[in-house]
Amino acid sequence: MLLLAIALLAIASILPDRPYLILGLSLVVGASISILVREAIAPSPQTRITQLTASLLLVISLYGFADLMYAL
């Protein structure tokens, strides 16, 4: 899911179409929430790093959504 989001965000950086950006950001939000839920249910040995990375991705993608809404 994250690879698809990265691919869509790469396409969005090449083509200035908003649907690719919106879809990529929504996939990042979904993947981040999925990672956080998975870590809450079944913690891995590197739980802190995984949660920090997922939270950082979530904050950045939500900031991207807010910036996109402000630009509209």
C-alpha atoms as a PDB file:
ATOM      1  CA  MET A   1       0.000   0.000   0.000  1.00  0.00           C
ATOM      2  CA  LEU A   2       2.862   2.349   0.771  1.00  0.00           C
ATOM      3  CA  LEU A   3       4.566   1.471  -2.507  1.00  0.00           C
ATOM      4  CA  LEU A   4       1.413   2.357  -4.409  1.00  0.00           C
ATOM      5  CA  ALA A   5       1.191   5.630  -2.491  1.00  0.00           C
ATOM      6  CA  ILE A   6       4.817   6.426  -3.308  1.00  0.00           C
ATOM      7  CA  ALA A   7       4.193   5.662  -6.974  1.00  0.00           C
ATOM      8  CA  LEU A   8       1.113   7.897  -7.071  1.00  0.00           C
ATOM      9  CA  LEU A   9       2.922  10.715  -5.304  1.00  0.00           C
ATOM     10  CA  ALA A  10       5.785  10.369  -7.785  1.00  0.00           C
ATOM     11  CA  ILE A  11       3.296  10.618 -10.643  1.00  0.00           C
ATOM     12  CA  ALA A  12       1.721  13.636  -8.935  1.00  0.00           C
ATOM     13  CA  SER A  13       5.102  15.347  -8.824  1.00  0.00           C
ATOM     14  CA  ILE A  14       5.568  14.795 -12.566  1.00  0.00           C
ATOM     15  CA  LEU A  15       2.000  15.474 -13.678  1.00  0.00           C
ATOM     16  CA  PRO A  16       0.333  18.379 -11.908  1.00  0.00           C
ATOM     17  CA  ASP A  17      -3.007  16.579 -11.609  1.00  0.00           C
ATOM     18  CA  ARG A  18      -4.706  16.790  -8.232  1.00  0.00           C
ATOM     19  CA  PRO A  19      -6.396  13.358  -8.340  1.00  0.00           C
ATOM     20  CA  TYR A  20      -3.016  11.597  -8.158  1.00  0.00           C
ATOM     21  CA  LEU A  21      -1.983  13.728  -5.202  1.00  0.00           C
ATOM     22  CA  ILE A  22      -5.262  13.210  -3.356  1.00  0.00           C
ATOM     23  CA  LEU A  23      -5.231   9.465  -3.960  1.00  0.00           C
ATOM     24  CA  GLY A  24      -1.582   9.174  -2.934  1.00  0.00           C
ATOM     25  CA  LEU A  25      -2.135  11.126   0.276  1.00  0.00           C
ATOM     26  CA  SER A  26      -5.219   9.108   1.150  1.00  0.00           C
ATOM     27  CA  LEU A  27      -3.270   5.886   0.648  1.00  0.00           C
ATOM     28  CA  VAL A  28      -0.549   7.186   2.968  1.00  0.00           C
ATOM     29  CA  VAL A  29      -3.169   8.004   5.616  1.00  0.00           C
ATOM     30  CA  GLY A  30      -4.710   4.546   5.286  1.00  0.00           C
ATOM     31  CA  ALA A  31      -1.361   2.781   5.398  1.00  0.00           C
ATOM     32  CA  SER A  32      -0.231   4.780   8.423  1.00  0.00           C
ATOM     33  CA  ILE A  33      -3.395   4.021  10.350  1.00  0.00           C
ATOM     34  CA  SER A  34      -3.109   0.370   9.352  1.00  0.00           C
ATOM     35  CA  ILE A  35       0.470   0.241  10.636  1.00  0.00           C
ATOM     36  CA  LEU A  36      -0.517   1.881  13.924  1.00  0.00           C
ATOM     37  CA  VAL A  37      -3.397  -0.560  14.427  1.00  0.00           C
ATOM     38  CA  ARG A  38      -1.176  -3.529  13.587  1.00  0.00           C
ATOM     39  CA  GLU A  39       1.429  -2.380  16.100  1.00  0.00           C
ATOM     40  CA  ALA A  40      -1.253  -1.934  18.757  1.00  0.00           C
ATOM     41  CA  ILE A  41      -2.580  -5.454  18.210  1.00  0.00           C
ATOM     42  CA  ALA A  42       0.691  -7.325  17.711  1.00  0.00           C
ATOM     43  CA  PRO A  43       3.748  -5.302  18.732  1.00  0.00           C
ATOM     44  CA  SER A  44       6.984  -5.961  16.901  1.00  0.00           C
ATOM     45  CA  PRO A  45      10.473  -5.754  18.443  1.00  0.00           C
ATOM     46  CA  GLN A  46      10.967  -2.252  17.012  1.00  0.00           C
ATOM     47  CA  THR A  47       7.548  -0.943  18.049  1.00  0.00           C
ATOM     48  CA  ARG A  48       8.699   2.559  18.970  1.00  0.00           C
ATOM     49  CA  ILE A  49      10.425   3.215  15.632  1.00  0.00           C
ATOM     50  CA  THR A  50       7.513   1.805  13.640  1.00  0.00           C
ATOM     51  CA  GLN A  51       4.974   3.876  15.541  1.00  0.00           C
ATOM     52  CA  LEU A  52       7.095   6.993  15.200  1.00  0.00           C
ATOM     53  CA  THR A  53       7.477   6.498  11.452  1.00  0.00           C
ATOM     54  CA  ALA A  54       3.768   5.798  10.946  1.00  0.00           C
ATOM     55  CA  SER A  55       2.827   8.828  13.042  1.00  0.00           C
ATOM     56  CA  LEU A  56       5.226  11.020  11.094  1.00  0.00           C
ATOM     57  CA  LEU A  57       3.762   9.813   7.794  1.00  0.00           C
ATOM     58  CA  LEU A  58       0.267  10.469   9.110  1.00  0.00           C
ATOM     59  CA  VAL A  59       1.097  14.010  10.210  1.00  0.00           C
ATOM     60  CA  ILE A  60       2.840  14.835   6.930  1.00  0.00           C
ATOM     61  CA  SER A  61      -0.011  13.485   4.823  1.00  0.00           C
ATOM     62  CA  LEU A  62      -2.631  15.309   6.887  1.00  0.00           C
ATOM     63  CA  TYR A  63      -0.589  18.486   6.467  1.00  0.00           C
ATOM     64  CA  GLY A  64      -0.577  17.795   2.725  1.00  0.00           C
ATOM     65  CA  PHE A  65      -4.363  17.506   2.761  1.00  0.00           C
ATOM     66  CA  ALA A  66      -4.687  20.743   4.726  1.00  0.00           C
ATOM     67  CA  ASP A  67      -2.349  22.523   2.328  1.00  0.00           C
ATOM     68  CA  LEU A  68      -4.283  21.168  -0.627  1.00  0.00           C
ATOM     69  CA  MET A  69      -7.589  22.365   0.833  1.00  0.00           C
ATOM     70  CA  TYR A  70      -6.079  25.782   1.508  1.00  0.00           C
ATOM     71  CA  ALA A  71      -4.854  25.990  -2.101  1.00  0.00           C
ATOM     72  CA  LEU A  72      -8.315  25.242  -3.468  1.00  0.00           C
END
